[in-house]
């Protein structure tokens, strides 16, 4: 990349998105399938604020905007329940987070089915 960009898609998150093949690690949305899909991509930290490894690119993954914000209280809830994120691999952290994301997606799908496409 010759030009320097400051946004996430072309700038600071680009290497993470590229590493993850421009695919949301939670729902599988493929940013290569369409420009509109690509526009929804962002990145997601797998560790809570204050964690030593939080900003390590190994602990940041590609995520579509919905999955990234699907459960904004995920870390707060998990920490209140006494769950720890330390000493887990990025893959294990994705699988833990995916459970919360899928629950939220299911709830939205039910609403969409009942009120949007009925």
PDB file of N, CA and C in Angstrom:
ATOM      1  N   UNK A   1       0.845  -1.172   0.000  1.00  0.00           N
ATOM      2  CA  UNK A   1       0.000   0.000   0.000  1.00  0.00           C
ATOM      3  C   UNK A   1       0.890   1.234   0.000  1.00  0.00           C
ATOM      4  N   UNK A   2       0.840   1.964  -1.050  1.00  0.00           N
ATOM      5  CA  UNK A   2       1.697   3.125  -1.203  1.00  0.00           C
ATOM      6  C   UNK A   2       1.198   4.315  -0.384  1.00  0.00           C
ATOM      7  N   UNK A   3      -0.095   4.556  -0.383  1.00  0.00           N
ATOM      8  CA  UNK A   3      -0.668   5.703   0.300  1.00  0.00           C
ATOM      9  C   UNK A   3      -1.020   5.331   1.735  1.00  0.00           C
ATOM     10  N   UNK A   4      -0.837   6.263   2.657  1.00  0.00           N
ATOM     11  CA  UNK A   4      -1.165   6.006   4.061  1.00  0.00           C
ATOM     12  C   UNK A   4      -2.582   6.500   4.348  1.00  0.00           C
ATOM     13  N   UNK A   5      -3.416   5.622   4.898  1.00  0.00           N
ATOM     14  CA  UNK A   5      -4.791   5.961   5.248  1.00  0.00           C
ATOM     15  C   UNK A   5      -4.953   5.900   6.756  1.00  0.00           C
ATOM     16  N   UNK A   6      -5.894   6.658   7.294  1.00  0.00           N
ATOM     17  CA  UNK A   6      -6.107   6.675   8.735  1.00  0.00           C
ATOM     18  C   UNK A   6      -7.404   5.981   9.158  1.00  0.00           C
ATOM     19  N   UNK A   7      -8.214   5.529   8.204  1.00  0.00           N
ATOM     20  CA  UNK A   7      -9.456   4.832   8.548  1.00  0.00           C
ATOM     21  C   UNK A   7      -9.170   3.348   8.768  1.00  0.00           C
ATOM     22  N   UNK A   8     -10.142   2.630   9.286  1.00  0.00           N
ATOM     23  CA  UNK A   8      -9.915   1.219   9.602  1.00  0.00           C
ATOM     24  C   UNK A   8      -9.806   0.332   8.369  1.00  0.00           C
ATOM     25  N   UNK A   9     -10.680   0.517   7.385  1.00  0.00           N
ATOM     26  CA  UNK A   9     -10.684  -0.385   6.226  1.00  0.00           C
ATOM     27  C   UNK A   9      -9.401  -0.316   5.410  1.00  0.00           C
ATOM     28  N   UNK A  10      -8.867   0.869   5.241  1.00  0.00           N
ATOM     29  CA  UNK A  10      -7.675   1.033   4.409  1.00  0.00           C
ATOM     30  C   UNK A  10      -6.435   1.312   5.242  1.00  0.00           C
ATOM     31  N   UNK A  11      -6.606   1.579   6.518  1.00  0.00           N
ATOM     32  CA  UNK A  11      -5.502   1.986   7.370  1.00  0.00           C
ATOM     33  C   UNK A  11      -5.200   1.019   8.487  1.00  0.00           C
ATOM     34  N   UNK A  12      -5.469   1.437   9.715  1.00  0.00           N
ATOM     35  CA  UNK A  12      -4.986   0.710  10.891  1.00  0.00           C
ATOM     36  C   UNK A  12      -5.479  -0.723  11.008  1.00  0.00           C
ATOM     37  N   UNK A  13      -6.645  -1.067  10.496  1.00  0.00           N
ATOM     38  CA  UNK A  13      -7.146  -2.446  10.610  1.00  0.00           C
ATOM     39  C   UNK A  13      -6.855  -3.288   9.383  1.00  0.00           C
ATOM     40  N   UNK A  14      -6.315  -2.694   8.349  1.00  0.00           N
ATOM     41  CA  UNK A  14      -6.146  -3.392   7.072  1.00  0.00           C
ATOM     42  C   UNK A  14      -5.390  -4.711   7.215  1.00  0.00           C
ATOM     43  N   UNK A  15      -4.279  -4.726   7.927  1.00  0.00           N
ATOM     44  CA  UNK A  15      -3.488  -5.960   8.037  1.00  0.00           C
ATOM     45  C   UNK A  15      -4.241  -7.069   8.753  1.00  0.00           C
ATOM     46  N   UNK A  16      -5.039  -6.718   9.747  1.00  0.00           N
ATOM     47  CA  UNK A  16      -5.866  -7.720  10.440  1.00  0.00           C
ATOM     48  C   UNK A  16      -6.942  -8.232   9.498  1.00  0.00           C
ATOM     49  N   UNK A  17      -7.615  -7.323   8.791  1.00  0.00           N
ATOM     50  CA  UNK A  17      -8.660  -7.733   7.848  1.00  0.00           C
ATOM     51  C   UNK A  17      -8.086  -8.630   6.756  1.00  0.00           C
ATOM     52  N   UNK A  18      -6.933  -8.273   6.254  1.00  0.00           N
ATOM     53  CA  UNK A  18      -6.278  -9.071   5.213  1.00  0.00           C
ATOM     54  C   UNK A  18      -5.899 -10.448   5.757  1.00  0.00           C
ATOM     55  N   UNK A  19      -5.319 -10.480   6.951  1.00  0.00           N
ATOM     56  CA  UNK A  19      -4.945 -11.759   7.574  1.00  0.00           C
ATOM     57  C   UNK A  19      -6.156 -12.679   7.690  1.00  0.00           C
ATOM     58  N   UNK A  20      -7.313 -12.103   8.031  1.00  0.00           N
ATOM     59  CA  UNK A  20      -8.545 -12.881   8.195  1.00  0.00           C
ATOM     60  C   UNK A  20      -9.315 -13.000   6.886  1.00  0.00           C
ATOM     61  N   UNK A  21      -8.648 -12.724   5.783  1.00  0.00           N
ATOM     62  CA  UNK A  21      -9.203 -12.855   4.433  1.00  0.00           C
ATOM     63  C   UNK A  21     -10.469 -12.028   4.249  1.00  0.00           C
ATOM     64  N   UNK A  22     -10.522 -10.867   4.908  1.00  0.00           N
ATOM     65  CA  UNK A  22     -11.653  -9.946   4.787  1.00  0.00           C
ATOM     66  C   UNK A  22     -12.974 -10.644   5.097  1.00  0.00           C
ATOM     67  N   UNK A  23     -12.936 -11.504   6.123  1.00  0.00           N
ATOM     68  CA  UNK A  23     -14.105 -12.295   6.519  1.00  0.00           C
ATOM     69  C   UNK A  23     -14.356 -12.139   8.014  1.00  0.00           C
ATOM     70  N   UNK A  24     -15.595 -11.840   8.381  1.00  0.00           N
ATOM     71  CA  UNK A  24     -15.963 -11.722   9.791  1.00  0.00           C
ATOM     72  C   UNK A  24     -15.712 -13.050  10.485  1.00  0.00           C
ATOM     73  N   UNK A  25     -14.978 -13.025  11.573  1.00  0.00           N
ATOM     74  CA  UNK A  25     -14.633 -14.254  12.286  1.00  0.00           C
ATOM     75  C   UNK A  25     -15.814 -14.824  13.070  1.00  0.00           C
ATOM     76  N   UNK A  26     -16.886 -14.071  13.203  1.00  0.00           N
ATOM     77  CA  UNK A  26     -18.041 -14.554  13.949  1.00  0.00           C
ATOM     78  C   UNK A  26     -19.141 -15.101  13.049  1.00  0.00           C
ATOM     79  N   UNK A  27     -19.528 -14.355  12.034  1.00  0.00           N
ATOM     80  CA  UNK A  27     -20.655 -14.788  11.196  1.00  0.00           C
ATOM     81  C   UNK A  27     -20.232 -15.236   9.801  1.00  0.00           C
ATOM     82  N   UNK A  28     -18.991 -14.980   9.425  1.00  0.00           N
ATOM     83  CA  UNK A  28     -18.507 -15.424   8.124  1.00  0.00           C
ATOM     84  C   UNK A  28     -18.794 -14.486   6.970  1.00  0.00           C
ATOM     85  N   UNK A  29     -19.337 -13.289   7.232  1.00  0.00           N
ATOM     86  CA  UNK A  29     -19.581 -12.344   6.150  1.00  0.00           C
ATOM     87  C   UNK A  29     -18.276 -12.123   5.386  1.00  0.00           C
ATOM     88  N   UNK A  30     -18.366 -12.267   4.067  1.00  0.00           N
ATOM     89  CA  UNK A  30     -17.185 -12.195   3.208  1.00  0.00           C
ATOM     90  C   UNK A  30     -17.099 -10.822   2.560  1.00  0.00           C
ATOM     91  N   UNK A  31     -16.088 -10.061   2.948  1.00  0.00           N
ATOM     92  CA  UNK A  31     -15.893  -8.725   2.409  1.00  0.00           C
ATOM     93  C   UNK A  31     -15.419  -8.706   0.974  1.00  0.00           C
ATOM     94  N   UNK A  32     -15.019  -9.864   0.456  1.00  0.00           N
ATOM     95  CA  UNK A  32     -14.594  -9.940  -0.937  1.00  0.00           C
ATOM     96  C   UNK A  32     -15.774 -10.176  -1.882  1.00  0.00           C
ATOM     97  N   UNK A  33     -16.908 -10.607  -1.338  1.00  0.00           N
ATOM     98  CA  UNK A  33     -18.079 -10.900  -2.165  1.00  0.00           C
ATOM     99  C   UNK A  33     -18.696  -9.653  -2.772  1.00  0.00           C
ATOM    100  N   UNK A  34     -18.662  -8.561  -2.024  1.00  0.00           N
ATOM    101  CA  UNK A  34     -19.244  -7.334  -2.560  1.00  0.00           C
ATOM    102  C   UNK A  34     -18.637  -6.129  -1.856  1.00  0.00           C
ATOM    103  N   UNK A  35     -18.697  -5.015  -2.544  1.00  0.00           N
ATOM    104  CA  UNK A  35     -18.229  -3.752  -1.973  1.00  0.00           C
ATOM    105  C   UNK A  35     -19.014  -3.424  -0.710  1.00  0.00           C
ATOM    106  N   UNK A  36     -20.344  -3.641  -0.743  1.00  0.00           N
ATOM    107  CA  UNK A  36     -21.169  -3.358   0.434  1.00  0.00           C
ATOM    108  C   UNK A  36     -20.771  -4.207   1.629  1.00  0.00           C
ATOM    109  N   UNK A  37     -20.439  -5.473   1.401  1.00  0.00           N
ATOM    110  CA  UNK A  37     -19.951  -6.317   2.498  1.00  0.00           C
ATOM    111  C   UNK A  37     -18.659  -5.760   3.057  1.00  0.00           C
ATOM    112  N   UNK A  38     -17.739  -5.412   2.162  1.00  0.00           N
ATOM    113  CA  UNK A  38     -16.438  -4.905   2.600  1.00  0.00           C
ATOM    114  C   UNK A  38     -16.612  -3.654   3.463  1.00  0.00           C
ATOM    115  N   UNK A  39     -17.573  -2.798   3.078  1.00  0.00           N
ATOM    116  CA  UNK A  39     -17.799  -1.570   3.833  1.00  0.00           C
ATOM    117  C   UNK A  39     -18.258  -1.820   5.263  1.00  0.00           C
ATOM    118  N   UNK A  40     -18.802  -2.995   5.544  1.00  0.00           N
ATOM    119  CA  UNK A  40     -19.284  -3.281   6.902  1.00  0.00           C
ATOM    120  C   UNK A  40     -18.188  -3.829   7.804  1.00  0.00           C
ATOM    121  N   UNK A  41     -17.012  -4.113   7.259  1.00  0.00           N
ATOM    122  CA  UNK A  41     -15.963  -4.726   8.064  1.00  0.00           C
ATOM    123  C   UNK A  41     -15.288  -3.729   9.002  1.00  0.00           C
ATOM    124  N   UNK A  42     -14.864  -4.266  10.113  1.00  0.00           N
ATOM    125  CA  UNK A  42     -14.132  -3.535  11.132  1.00  0.00           C
ATOM    126  C   UNK A  42     -13.230  -4.548  11.824  1.00  0.00           C
ATOM    127  N   UNK A  43     -12.710  -4.170  12.952  1.00  0.00           N
ATOM    128  CA  UNK A  43     -11.956  -5.154  13.736  1.00  0.00           C
ATOM    129  C   UNK A  43     -12.530  -5.221  15.135  1.00  0.00           C
ATOM    130  N   UNK A  44     -12.218  -6.296  15.837  1.00  0.00           N
ATOM    131  CA  UNK A  44     -12.753  -6.492  17.174  1.00  0.00           C
ATOM    132  C   UNK A  44     -11.641  -6.981  18.095  1.00  0.00           C
ATOM    133  N   UNK A  45     -11.520  -6.340  19.241  1.00  0.00           N
ATOM    134  CA  UNK A  45     -10.547  -6.771  20.249  1.00  0.00           C
ATOM    135  C   UNK A  45     -11.099  -7.995  20.973  1.00  0.00           C
ATOM    136  N   UNK A  46     -10.263  -8.984  21.147  1.00  0.00           N
ATOM    137  CA  UNK A  46     -10.675 -10.218  21.820  1.00  0.00           C
ATOM    138  C   UNK A  46     -10.458 -10.164  23.329  1.00  0.00           C
ATOM    139  N   UNK A  47      -9.787  -9.132  23.793  1.00  0.00           N
ATOM    140  CA  UNK A  47      -9.494  -8.992  25.216  1.00  0.00           C
ATOM    141  C   UNK A  47     -10.041  -7.664  25.719  1.00  0.00           C
ATOM    142  N   UNK A  48     -10.430  -7.628  27.004  1.00  0.00           N
ATOM    143  CA  UNK A  48     -10.994  -6.389  27.562  1.00  0.00           C
ATOM    144  C   UNK A  48      -9.932  -5.306  27.750  1.00  0.00           C
ATOM    145  N   UNK A  49     -10.402  -4.075  27.897  1.00  0.00           N
ATOM    146  CA  UNK A  49      -9.498  -2.965  28.186  1.00  0.00           C
ATOM    147  C   UNK A  49      -8.707  -3.282  29.438  1.00  0.00           C
ATOM    148  N   UNK A  50      -7.448  -2.901  29.414  1.00  0.00           N
ATOM    149  CA  UNK A  50      -6.575  -3.169  30.555  1.00  0.00           C
ATOM    150  C   UNK A  50      -5.760  -4.436  30.406  1.00  0.00           C
ATOM    151  N   UNK A  51      -6.160  -5.302  29.489  1.00  0.00           N
ATOM    152  CA  UNK A  51      -5.401  -6.530  29.266  1.00  0.00           C
ATOM    153  C   UNK A  51      -4.094  -6.184  28.554  1.00  0.00           C
ATOM    154  N   UNK A  52      -3.032  -6.812  28.982  1.00  0.00           N
ATOM    155  CA  UNK A  52      -1.697  -6.551  28.427  1.00  0.00           C
ATOM    156  C   UNK A  52      -1.622  -6.809  26.926  1.00  0.00           C
ATOM    157  N   UNK A  53      -2.312  -7.818  26.444  1.00  0.00           N
ATOM    158  CA  UNK A  53      -2.247  -8.218  25.040  1.00  0.00           C
ATOM    159  C   UNK A  53      -3.360  -7.627  24.168  1.00  0.00           C
ATOM    160  N   UNK A  54      -4.193  -6.763  24.733  1.00  0.00           N
ATOM    161  CA  UNK A  54      -5.370  -6.244  24.025  1.00  0.00           C
ATOM    162  C   UNK A  54      -5.044  -5.689  22.640  1.00  0.00           C
ATOM    163  N   UNK A  55      -3.985  -4.923  22.515  1.00  0.00           N
ATOM    164  CA  UNK A  55      -3.673  -4.291  21.237  1.00  0.00           C
ATOM    165  C   UNK A  55      -2.699  -5.090  20.379  1.00  0.00           C
ATOM    166  N   UNK A  56      -2.382  -6.299  20.806  1.00  0.00           N
ATOM    167  CA  UNK A  56      -1.559  -7.200  20.006  1.00  0.00           C
ATOM    168  C   UNK A  56      -2.437  -7.680  18.836  1.00  0.00           C
ATOM    169  N   UNK A  57      -1.996  -7.475  17.586  1.00  0.00           N
ATOM    170  CA  UNK A  57      -2.817  -7.887  16.434  1.00  0.00           C
ATOM    171  C   UNK A  57      -3.256  -9.351  16.469  1.00  0.00           C
ATOM    172  N   UNK A  58      -2.521 -10.213  17.176  1.00  0.00           N
ATOM    173  CA  UNK A  58      -2.944 -11.606  17.306  1.00  0.00           C
ATOM    174  C   UNK A  58      -4.260 -11.725  18.073  1.00  0.00           C
ATOM    175  N   UNK A  59      -4.571 -10.712  18.879  1.00  0.00           N
ATOM    176  CA  UNK A  59      -5.773 -10.720  19.698  1.00  0.00           C
ATOM    177  C   UNK A  59      -6.811  -9.698  19.210  1.00  0.00           C
ATOM    178  N   UNK A  60      -6.755  -9.429  17.905  1.00  0.00           N
ATOM    179  CA  UNK A  60      -7.734  -8.582  17.235  1.00  0.00           C
ATOM    180  C   UNK A  60      -8.151  -9.326  15.974  1.00  0.00           C
ATOM    181  N   UNK A  61      -9.437  -9.354  15.691  1.00  0.00           N
ATOM    182  CA  UNK A  61      -9.929 -10.105  14.535  1.00  0.00           C
ATOM    183  C   UNK A  61     -10.840  -9.247  13.664  1.00  0.00           C
ATOM    184  N   UNK A  62     -11.005  -9.678  12.424  1.00  0.00           N
ATOM    185  CA  UNK A  62     -11.957  -9.052  11.511  1.00  0.00           C
ATOM    186  C   UNK A  62     -13.370  -9.347  12.005  1.00  0.00           C
ATOM    187  N   UNK A  63     -14.213  -8.316  11.949  1.00  0.00           N
ATOM    188  CA  UNK A  63     -15.605  -8.481  12.350  1.00  0.00           C
ATOM    189  C   UNK A  63     -16.461  -7.506  11.558  1.00  0.00           C
ATOM    190  N   UNK A  64     -17.637  -7.941  11.176  1.00  0.00           N
ATOM    191  CA  UNK A  64     -18.567  -7.000  10.550  1.00  0.00           C
ATOM    192  C   UNK A  64     -19.078  -6.076  11.661  1.00  0.00           C
ATOM    193  N   UNK A  65     -19.623  -4.953  11.268  1.00  0.00           N
ATOM    194  CA  UNK A  65     -20.070  -3.983  12.266  1.00  0.00           C
ATOM    195  C   UNK A  65     -21.125  -4.560  13.205  1.00  0.00           C
ATOM    196  N   UNK A  66     -22.041  -5.375  12.673  1.00  0.00           N
ATOM    197  CA  UNK A  66     -23.067  -5.938  13.555  1.00  0.00           C
ATOM    198  C   UNK A  66     -22.441  -6.837  14.624  1.00  0.00           C
ATOM    199  N   UNK A  67     -21.616  -7.779  14.193  1.00  0.00           N
ATOM    200  CA  UNK A  67     -21.017  -8.703  15.155  1.00  0.00           C
ATOM    201  C   UNK A  67     -20.107  -7.977  16.144  1.00  0.00           C
ATOM    202  N   UNK A  68     -19.439  -6.947  15.669  1.00  0.00           N
ATOM    203  CA  UNK A  68     -18.554  -6.185  16.539  1.00  0.00           C
ATOM    204  C   UNK A  68     -19.332  -5.524  17.668  1.00  0.00           C
ATOM    205  N   UNK A  69     -20.542  -5.079  17.391  1.00  0.00           N
ATOM    206  CA  UNK A  69     -21.326  -4.371  18.405  1.00  0.00           C
ATOM    207  C   UNK A  69     -22.496  -5.197  18.931  1.00  0.00           C
ATOM    208  N   UNK A  70     -22.586  -6.459  18.550  1.00  0.00           N
ATOM    209  CA  UNK A  70     -23.738  -7.299  18.904  1.00  0.00           C
ATOM    210  C   UNK A  70     -23.980  -7.369  20.409  1.00  0.00           C
ATOM    211  N   UNK A  71     -22.944  -7.366  21.181  1.00  0.00           N
ATOM    212  CA  UNK A  71     -23.097  -7.422  22.632  1.00  0.00           C
ATOM    213  C   UNK A  71     -22.029  -6.514  23.229  1.00  0.00           C
ATOM    214  N   UNK A  72     -22.309  -5.213  23.217  1.00  0.00           N
ATOM    215  CA  UNK A  72     -21.321  -4.242  23.686  1.00  0.00           C
ATOM    216  C   UNK A  72     -20.942  -4.416  25.155  1.00  0.00           C
ATOM    217  N   UNK A  73     -21.739  -5.109  25.893  1.00  0.00           N
ATOM    218  CA  UNK A  73     -21.455  -5.329  27.326  1.00  0.00           C
ATOM    219  C   UNK A  73     -20.828  -6.701  27.576  1.00  0.00           C
ATOM    220  N   UNK A  74     -20.365  -7.343  26.518  1.00  0.00           N
ATOM    221  CA  UNK A  74     -19.818  -8.695  26.618  1.00  0.00           C
ATOM    222  C   UNK A  74     -18.736  -8.810  27.693  1.00  0.00           C
ATOM    223  N   UNK A  75     -17.732  -7.945  27.640  1.00  0.00           N
ATOM    224  CA  UNK A  75     -16.639  -8.038  28.607  1.00  0.00           C
ATOM    225  C   UNK A  75     -17.127  -7.731  30.016  1.00  0.00           C
ATOM    226  N   UNK A  76     -17.953  -6.702  30.166  1.00  0.00           N
ATOM    227  CA  UNK A  76     -18.468  -6.356  31.487  1.00  0.00           C
ATOM    228  C   UNK A  76     -19.230  -7.524  32.108  1.00  0.00           C
ATOM    229  N   UNK A  77     -20.122  -8.125  31.315  1.00  0.00           N
ATOM    230  CA  UNK A  77     -20.914  -9.264  31.803  1.00  0.00           C
ATOM    231  C   UNK A  77     -20.015 -10.436  32.179  1.00  0.00           C
ATOM    232  N   UNK A  78     -19.084 -10.766  31.305  1.00  0.00           N
ATOM    233  CA  UNK A  78     -18.211 -11.918  31.543  1.00  0.00           C
ATOM    234  C   UNK A  78     -17.345 -11.711  32.777  1.00  0.00           C
ATOM    235  N   UNK A  79     -16.796 -10.530  32.928  1.00  0.00           N
ATOM    236  CA  UNK A  79     -15.954 -10.257  34.088  1.00  0.00           C
ATOM    237  C   UNK A  79     -16.769 -10.285  35.377  1.00  0.00           C
ATOM    238  N   UNK A  80     -18.013  -9.785  35.340  1.00  0.00           N
ATOM    239  CA  UNK A  80     -18.891  -9.847  36.516  1.00  0.00           C
ATOM    240  C   UNK A  80     -19.201 -11.283  36.897  1.00  0.00           C
ATOM    241  N   UNK A  81     -19.262 -12.159  35.891  1.00  0.00           N
ATOM    242  CA  UNK A  81     -19.522 -13.582  36.140  1.00  0.00           C
ATOM    243  C   UNK A  81     -18.254 -14.324  36.546  1.00  0.00           C
ATOM    244  N   UNK A  82     -17.152 -13.601  36.623  1.00  0.00           N
ATOM    245  CA  UNK A  82     -15.893 -14.202  37.058  1.00  0.00           C
ATOM    246  C   UNK A  82     -15.135 -14.925  35.957  1.00  0.00           C
ATOM    247  N   UNK A  83     -15.523 -14.696  34.715  1.00  0.00           N
ATOM    248  CA  UNK A  83     -14.837 -15.340  33.605  1.00  0.00           C
ATOM    249  C   UNK A  83     -13.518 -14.627  33.333  1.00  0.00           C
ATOM    250  N   UNK A  84     -12.533 -15.403  32.963  1.00  0.00           N
ATOM    251  CA  UNK A  84     -11.217 -14.847  32.661  1.00  0.00           C
ATOM    252  C   UNK A  84     -10.916 -15.031  31.181  1.00  0.00           C
ATOM    253  N   UNK A  85     -10.189 -14.101  30.642  1.00  0.00           N
ATOM    254  CA  UNK A  85      -9.795 -14.159  29.235  1.00  0.00           C
ATOM    255  C   UNK A  85      -8.301 -14.429  29.088  1.00  0.00           C
ATOM    256  N   UNK A  86      -7.601 -14.412  30.206  1.00  0.00           N
ATOM    257  CA  UNK A  86      -6.157 -14.601  30.173  1.00  0.00           C
ATOM    258  C   UNK A  86      -5.815 -16.054  29.872  1.00  0.00           C
ATOM    259  N   UNK A  87      -4.681 -16.243  29.237  1.00  0.00           N
ATOM    260  CA  UNK A  87      -4.140 -17.562  28.905  1.00  0.00           C
ATOM    261  C   UNK A  87      -4.998 -18.353  27.916  1.00  0.00           C
ATOM    262  N   UNK A  88      -5.867 -17.665  27.187  1.00  0.00           N
ATOM    263  CA  UNK A  88      -6.641 -18.317  26.135  1.00  0.00           C
ATOM    264  C   UNK A  88      -6.066 -17.916  24.790  1.00  0.00           C
ATOM    265  N   UNK A  89      -6.125 -18.827  23.846  1.00  0.00           N
ATOM    266  CA  UNK A  89      -5.643 -18.520  22.501  1.00  0.00           C
ATOM    267  C   UNK A  89      -6.648 -17.615  21.794  1.00  0.00           C
ATOM    268  N   UNK A  90      -6.236 -16.924  20.738  1.00  0.00           N
ATOM    269  CA  UNK A  90      -7.196 -16.129  19.976  1.00  0.00           C
ATOM    270  C   UNK A  90      -8.372 -16.966  19.476  1.00  0.00           C
ATOM    271  N   UNK A  91      -8.110 -18.197  19.054  1.00  0.00           N
ATOM    272  CA  UNK A  91      -9.190 -19.065  18.574  1.00  0.00           C
ATOM    273  C   UNK A  91     -10.185 -19.370  19.682  1.00  0.00           C
ATOM    274  N   UNK A  92      -9.689 -19.629  20.886  1.00  0.00           N
ATOM    275  CA  UNK A  92     -10.581 -19.899  22.015  1.00  0.00           C
ATOM    276  C   UNK A  92     -11.406 -18.660  22.365  1.00  0.00           C
ATOM    277  N   UNK A  93     -10.780 -17.499  22.288  1.00  0.00           N
ATOM    278  CA  UNK A  93     -11.488 -16.251  22.575  1.00  0.00           C
ATOM    279  C   UNK A  93     -12.570 -15.975  21.541  1.00  0.00           C
ATOM    280  N   UNK A  94     -12.285 -16.269  20.271  1.00  0.00           N
ATOM    281  CA  UNK A  94     -13.296 -16.097  19.215  1.00  0.00           C
ATOM    282  C   UNK A  94     -14.479 -17.011  19.502  1.00  0.00           C
ATOM    283  N   UNK A  95     -14.224 -18.257  19.853  1.00  0.00           N
ATOM    284  CA  UNK A  95     -15.309 -19.202  20.122  1.00  0.00           C
ATOM    285  C   UNK A  95     -16.161 -18.760  21.305  1.00  0.00           C
ATOM    286  N   UNK A  96     -15.540 -18.218  22.344  1.00  0.00           N
ATOM    287  CA  UNK A  96     -16.302 -17.720  23.496  1.00  0.00           C
ATOM    288  C   UNK A  96     -17.189 -16.546  23.080  1.00  0.00           C
ATOM    289  N   UNK A  97     -16.614 -15.617  22.367  1.00  0.00           N
ATOM    290  CA  UNK A  97     -17.354 -14.422  21.937  1.00  0.00           C
ATOM    291  C   UNK A  97     -18.458 -14.794  20.944  1.00  0.00           C
ATOM    292  N   UNK A  98     -18.164 -15.763  20.096  1.00  0.00           N
ATOM    293  CA  UNK A  98     -19.129 -16.170  19.063  1.00  0.00           C
ATOM    294  C   UNK A  98     -20.454 -16.614  19.687  1.00  0.00           C
ATOM    295  N   UNK A  99     -20.416 -17.220  20.847  1.00  0.00           N
ATOM    296  CA  UNK A  99     -21.635 -17.665  21.532  1.00  0.00           C
ATOM    297  C   UNK A  99     -22.537 -16.470  21.827  1.00  0.00           C
ATOM    298  N   UNK A 100     -21.957 -15.391  22.357  1.00  0.00           N
ATOM    299  CA  UNK A 100     -22.730 -14.191  22.663  1.00  0.00           C
ATOM    300  C   UNK A 100     -23.227 -13.519  21.385  1.00  0.00           C
ATOM    301  N   UNK A 101     -22.386 -13.470  20.373  1.00  0.00           N
ATOM    302  CA  UNK A 101     -22.763 -12.847  19.099  1.00  0.00           C
ATOM    303  C   UNK A 101     -23.912 -13.618  18.457  1.00  0.00           C
ATOM    304  N   UNK A 102     -23.820 -14.934  18.429  1.00  0.00           N
ATOM    305  CA  UNK A 102     -24.869 -15.749  17.815  1.00  0.00           C
ATOM    306  C   UNK A 102     -26.201 -15.603  18.549  1.00  0.00           C
ATOM    307  N   UNK A 103     -26.152 -15.476  19.865  1.00  0.00           N
ATOM    308  CA  UNK A 103     -27.376 -15.283  20.644  1.00  0.00           C
ATOM    309  C   UNK A 103     -28.042 -13.961  20.241  1.00  0.00           C
ATOM    310  N   UNK A 104     -27.254 -12.910  20.110  1.00  0.00           N
ATOM    311  CA  UNK A 104     -27.793 -11.617  19.717  1.00  0.00           C
ATOM    312  C   UNK A 104     -28.304 -11.662  18.281  1.00  0.00           C
ATOM    313  N   UNK A 105     -27.554 -12.276  17.378  1.00  0.00           N
ATOM    314  CA  UNK A 105     -27.988 -12.395  15.976  1.00  0.00           C
ATOM    315  C   UNK A 105     -29.319 -13.147  15.892  1.00  0.00           C
ATOM    316  N   UNK A 106     -29.476 -14.194  16.679  1.00  0.00           N
ATOM    317  CA  UNK A 106     -30.706 -14.981  16.680  1.00  0.00           C
ATOM    318  C   UNK A 106     -31.893 -14.109  17.100  1.00  0.00           C
ATOM    319  N   UNK A 107     -31.683 -13.302  18.123  1.00  0.00           N
ATOM    320  CA  UNK A 107     -32.737 -12.410  18.592  1.00  0.00           C
ATOM    321  C   UNK A 107     -33.127 -11.409  17.503  1.00  0.00           C
ATOM    322  N   UNK A 108     -32.138 -10.855  16.816  1.00  0.00           N
ATOM    323  CA  UNK A 108     -32.420  -9.926  15.724  1.00  0.00           C
ATOM    324  C   UNK A 108     -33.104 -10.633  14.558  1.00  0.00           C
ATOM    325  N   UNK A 109     -32.694 -11.862  14.284  1.00  0.00           N
ATOM    326  CA  UNK A 109     -33.312 -12.618  13.194  1.00  0.00           C
ATOM    327  C   UNK A 109     -34.784 -12.880  13.482  1.00  0.00           C
ATOM    328  N   UNK A 110     -35.090 -13.199  14.726  1.00  0.00           N
ATOM    329  CA  UNK A 110     -36.480 -13.429  15.102  1.00  0.00           C
ATOM    330  C   UNK A 110     -37.307 -12.162  14.905  1.00  0.00           C
ATOM    331  N   UNK A 111     -36.770 -11.013  15.306  1.00  0.00           N
ATOM    332  CA  UNK A 111     -37.466  -9.749  15.102  1.00  0.00           C
ATOM    333  C   UNK A 111     -37.657  -9.471  13.620  1.00  0.00           C
ATOM    334  N   UNK A 112     -36.596  -9.631  12.848  1.00  0.00           N
ATOM    335  CA  UNK A 112     -36.640  -9.396  11.401  1.00  0.00           C
ATOM    336  C   UNK A 112     -37.703 -10.259  10.741  1.00  0.00           C
ATOM    337  N   UNK A 113     -37.728 -11.537  11.121  1.00  0.00           N
ATOM    338  CA  UNK A 113     -38.684 -12.477  10.545  1.00  0.00           C
ATOM    339  C   UNK A 113     -40.122 -12.078  10.881  1.00  0.00           C
ATOM    340  N   UNK A 114     -40.333 -11.670  12.118  1.00  0.00           N
ATOM    341  CA  UNK A 114     -41.694 -11.349  12.553  1.00  0.00           C
ATOM    342  C   UNK A 114     -42.181  -9.985  12.082  1.00  0.00           C
ATOM    343  N   UNK A 115     -41.308  -9.003  12.091  1.00  0.00           N
ATOM    344  CA  UNK A 115     -41.773  -7.630  11.844  1.00  0.00           C
ATOM    345  C   UNK A 115     -41.321  -7.003  10.532  1.00  0.00           C
ATOM    346  N   UNK A 116     -40.292  -7.538   9.911  1.00  0.00           N
ATOM    347  CA  UNK A 116     -39.770  -6.897   8.711  1.00  0.00           C
ATOM    348  C   UNK A 116     -40.218  -7.614   7.448  1.00  0.00           C
ATOM    349  N   UNK A 117     -40.100  -8.935   7.419  1.00  0.00           N
ATOM    350  CA  UNK A 117     -40.391  -9.673   6.193  1.00  0.00           C
ATOM    351  C   UNK A 117     -41.705 -10.438   6.229  1.00  0.00           C
ATOM    352  N   UNK A 118     -42.513 -10.213   7.236  1.00  0.00           N
ATOM    353  CA  UNK A 118     -43.774 -10.972   7.338  1.00  0.00           C
ATOM    354  C   UNK A 118     -44.720 -10.672   6.230  1.00  0.00           C
TER     355      UNK A 118
END
